[in-house]
Amino acid sequence: MDVNGVGWLAAIIIGGIAGWLAEQFMKSNMGLLMNIVLGIVGAVVLNAILAALNMGFTGWLAYLIIGFVGACILIALGRMVRR
């Protein structure tokens, strides 16, 4: 089974990288597991939004970029809720 055109293991690795990049960009301190979760969830959520707008993307590079942007959005939303 695929996740956005990449396998599950690749999705975990790419999600972790995307989450880590988002953590560095947003100056957050989440930890490895949360980076993976944020990267994967961010990619899935943002990809669903883009698919609803007829803008679907596949492949590891698209998954990395979408995961990064999605994780940044999730971190920003988390900060807004905590304030």
C-alpha atoms as a PDB file:
ATOM      1  CA  MET A   1       0.000   0.000   0.000  1.00  0.00           C
ATOM      2  CA  ASP A   2       1.216   3.493  -0.859  1.00  0.00           C
ATOM      3  CA  VAL A   3       1.120   6.775   0.969  1.00  0.00           C
ATOM      4  CA  ASN A   4       1.142   9.587  -1.577  1.00  0.00           C
ATOM      5  CA  GLY A   5       3.147   7.563  -4.073  1.00  0.00           C
ATOM      6  CA  VAL A   6       5.765   6.351  -1.569  1.00  0.00           C
ATOM      7  CA  GLY A   7       5.830   3.189   0.541  1.00  0.00           C
ATOM      8  CA  TRP A   8       5.085   3.126   4.277  1.00  0.00           C
ATOM      9  CA  LEU A   9       8.737   2.884   5.325  1.00  0.00           C
ATOM     10  CA  ALA A  10       9.684   5.760   3.020  1.00  0.00           C
ATOM     11  CA  ALA A  11       6.707   7.755   4.371  1.00  0.00           C
ATOM     12  CA  ILE A  12       8.030   7.340   7.922  1.00  0.00           C
ATOM     13  CA  ILE A  13      11.559   8.365   6.948  1.00  0.00           C
ATOM     14  CA  ILE A  14      10.468  11.290   4.763  1.00  0.00           C
ATOM     15  CA  GLY A  15       7.882  12.312   7.377  1.00  0.00           C
ATOM     16  CA  GLY A  16      10.607  12.372  10.017  1.00  0.00           C
ATOM     17  CA  ILE A  17      12.811  14.540   7.821  1.00  0.00           C
ATOM     18  CA  ALA A  18       9.912  16.871   7.000  1.00  0.00           C
ATOM     19  CA  GLY A  19       8.975  17.112  10.676  1.00  0.00           C
ATOM     20  CA  TRP A  20      12.588  17.801  11.659  1.00  0.00           C
ATOM     21  CA  LEU A  21      12.895  20.510   9.006  1.00  0.00           C
ATOM     22  CA  ALA A  22       9.650  22.077  10.223  1.00  0.00           C
ATOM     23  CA  GLU A  23      10.905  21.880  13.826  1.00  0.00           C
ATOM     24  CA  GLN A  24      14.099  23.730  12.839  1.00  0.00           C
ATOM     25  CA  PHE A  25      12.235  26.287  10.712  1.00  0.00           C
ATOM     26  CA  MET A  26       9.597  26.994  13.371  1.00  0.00           C
ATOM     27  CA  LYS A  27      12.202  26.967  16.192  1.00  0.00           C
ATOM     28  CA  SER A  28      10.321  24.289  18.083  1.00  0.00           C
ATOM     29  CA  ASN A  29      11.562  21.403  20.214  1.00  0.00           C
ATOM     30  CA  MET A  30       9.389  18.337  19.636  1.00  0.00           C
ATOM     31  CA  GLY A  31      11.546  15.189  19.610  1.00  0.00           C
ATOM     32  CA  LEU A  32      12.032  12.439  17.028  1.00  0.00           C
ATOM     33  CA  LEU A  33       8.676  10.665  17.392  1.00  0.00           C
ATOM     34  CA  MET A  34       6.702  13.907  17.254  1.00  0.00           C
ATOM     35  CA  ASN A  35       8.729  15.007  14.192  1.00  0.00           C
ATOM     36  CA  ILE A  36       7.739  11.804  12.381  1.00  0.00           C
ATOM     37  CA  VAL A  37       4.096  12.182  13.405  1.00  0.00           C
ATOM     38  CA  LEU A  38       3.953  15.861  12.424  1.00  0.00           C
ATOM     39  CA  GLY A  39       5.614  15.188   9.070  1.00  0.00           C
ATOM     40  CA  ILE A  40       3.289  12.315   8.177  1.00  0.00           C
ATOM     41  CA  VAL A  41       0.090  13.905   9.508  1.00  0.00           C
ATOM     42  CA  GLY A  42       1.009  17.240   7.957  1.00  0.00           C
ATOM     43  CA  ALA A  43       1.604  15.576   4.589  1.00  0.00           C
ATOM     44  CA  VAL A  44      -1.635  13.580   4.735  1.00  0.00           C
ATOM     45  CA  VAL A  45      -3.777  16.551   5.798  1.00  0.00           C
ATOM     46  CA  LEU A  46      -2.287  19.028   3.335  1.00  0.00           C
ATOM     47  CA  ASN A  47      -2.356  16.439   0.540  1.00  0.00           C
ATOM     48  CA  ALA A  48      -6.078  15.849   1.220  1.00  0.00           C
ATOM     49  CA  ILE A  49      -6.719  19.589   1.036  1.00  0.00           C
ATOM     50  CA  LEU A  50      -4.761  19.861  -2.212  1.00  0.00           C
ATOM     51  CA  ALA A  51      -6.568  16.821  -3.653  1.00  0.00           C
ATOM     52  CA  ALA A  52      -9.915  18.470  -2.839  1.00  0.00           C
ATOM     53  CA  LEU A  53      -8.710  21.429  -4.901  1.00  0.00           C
ATOM     54  CA  ASN A  54      -7.724  19.042  -7.742  1.00  0.00           C
ATOM     55  CA  MET A  55      -4.021  19.598  -7.049  1.00  0.00           C
ATOM     56  CA  GLY A  56      -2.746  16.108  -6.167  1.00  0.00           C
ATOM     57  CA  PHE A  57       0.994  15.425  -6.085  1.00  0.00           C
ATOM     58  CA  THR A  58       2.929  12.152  -5.780  1.00  0.00           C
ATOM     59  CA  GLY A  59       6.516  11.135  -5.193  1.00  0.00           C
ATOM     60  CA  TRP A  60       9.020  11.487  -2.395  1.00  0.00           C
ATOM     61  CA  LEU A  61      10.001  15.097  -3.121  1.00  0.00           C
ATOM     62  CA  ALA A  62       6.375  16.244  -3.176  1.00  0.00           C
ATOM     63  CA  TYR A  63       5.753  14.250   0.031  1.00  0.00           C
ATOM     64  CA  LEU A  64       8.739  15.974   1.677  1.00  0.00           C
ATOM     65  CA  ILE A  65       7.628  19.477   0.662  1.00  0.00           C
ATOM     66  CA  ILE A  66       3.967  18.883   1.513  1.00  0.00           C
ATOM     67  CA  GLY A  67       4.971  17.244   4.808  1.00  0.00           C
ATOM     68  CA  PHE A  68       7.198  20.199   5.699  1.00  0.00           C
ATOM     69  CA  VAL A  69       4.504  22.777   4.937  1.00  0.00           C
ATOM     70  CA  GLY A  70       1.822  20.697   6.663  1.00  0.00           C
ATOM     71  CA  ALA A  71       3.989  20.196   9.771  1.00  0.00           C
ATOM     72  CA  CYS A  72       4.707  23.934   9.928  1.00  0.00           C
ATOM     73  CA  ILE A  73       0.974  24.608   9.786  1.00  0.00           C
ATOM     74  CA  LEU A  74       0.322  22.056  12.549  1.00  0.00           C
ATOM     75  CA  ILE A  75       3.035  23.588  14.765  1.00  0.00           C
ATOM     76  CA  ALA A  76       1.565  27.065  14.200  1.00  0.00           C
ATOM     77  CA  LEU A  77      -1.944  25.814  15.001  1.00  0.00           C
ATOM     78  CA  GLY A  78      -0.635  24.114  18.146  1.00  0.00           C
ATOM     79  CA  ARG A  79       0.940  27.374  19.274  1.00  0.00           C
ATOM     80  CA  MET A  80      -2.295  29.281  18.640  1.00  0.00           C
ATOM     81  CA  VAL A  81      -4.302  26.788  20.706  1.00  0.00           C
ATOM     82  CA  ARG A  82      -1.853  26.895  23.631  1.00  0.00           C
ATOM     83  CA  ARG A  83      -1.937  30.689  23.838  1.00  0.00           C
END
